[in-house]
Amino acid sequence: MNIGYLLTRLAVLLIVFAGLLPARADDGEPGEAKFSAEAATIFNRRCTACHTYGKGVKVGPDLKGVTERRKRDWLLKFIYASSSVIKSGDPAATRLFAEFKQQRMPDWTDLSEKQISDILDYLAVGGPDIKPADEKNAETATPAEIERGRQLFYGQRRFKYGAEACITCHTVEGAGWHGGTLGPDLTDVYVRYRDQALTAFLRHPCFQWNPRISAAQYLTVQESFAIKSFVRQAALISRQAENNTGKTASAGERRTKTRSLSFTEQAKGESNR
């Protein structure tokens, strides 16, 4: 069976389902809008089938600005049990019921008041429009972010949630370090799968080393972006080595040609283009 084909298919599937597994918004930079990652997940899984955010009416009303149009206590009651609010004769609820051809929103009685409130907070800060930090294109990375990715990859800096350093199972040619062989060589992984696929892939634990660490606590969005930026730089250095030799370099040739190259120097050159 072709392993490369399987990996490609996996990457495509991860892109498709990436929207159901949003990055951890609570790990954003200072000053960024904060919201519950669970709220974002619930919204994507339950609400987007019938609602849009800023794109008009779908099955139900557009939810952009809903926290300004309706009072919070009303929204809490309606989301929890719309059927009860409609049956009570509430004017706003009965009007919506008639406007949308008596398509009643499901009762979400399995959600706590806090969970519903967190969803409303997510909508209030424009959560669906906020692009997680790890979705930035790696081309925009600064030399400092690339260097941070290098340190994380090689275990010189620890991951926040205790994930194992990438070098435990993988290697990247050209930095003078020899990594593990349990996983594939990641030197050209950015070229093979590109930015979006890597973003989706890095949101999933590649191996569950520690059962006490949940999948929801894997990499922060900043760590994910830094790793992605580092492997992109590795791919650029590898391609430079191939161009210098005039042929596709083998792993051994890449080590010889690129061991003296500095990732930080390469990053500075790239950022000055």
Foldseek 3Di string as FASTA:
>chain_A
DDPLVVVQVVLVVLLVCLQLQDAQQCLDDPPDDGAGSLLSNCCSVAPVVAEDAPPAGRLAGHCQCVCVVDPPVVQLVCQQPVPVVVVVVPPVSVVRCVVSPNPGRDHPNVDDSVSSVRNVSCNVSVVVPDDFLLLDFLLPDALVLLVLLVCQQVVVDAFPQGDDRVLQDEAFAQAQDHGRPNDYHLLQVCVSSNRSSLSSVQLAPPDCPDPVGDSSRRHHSSNSSSNSNNSVLSNVLLVVQCVVVVHRDDSVSSNVRRNPPDSSVSSVVSVVD
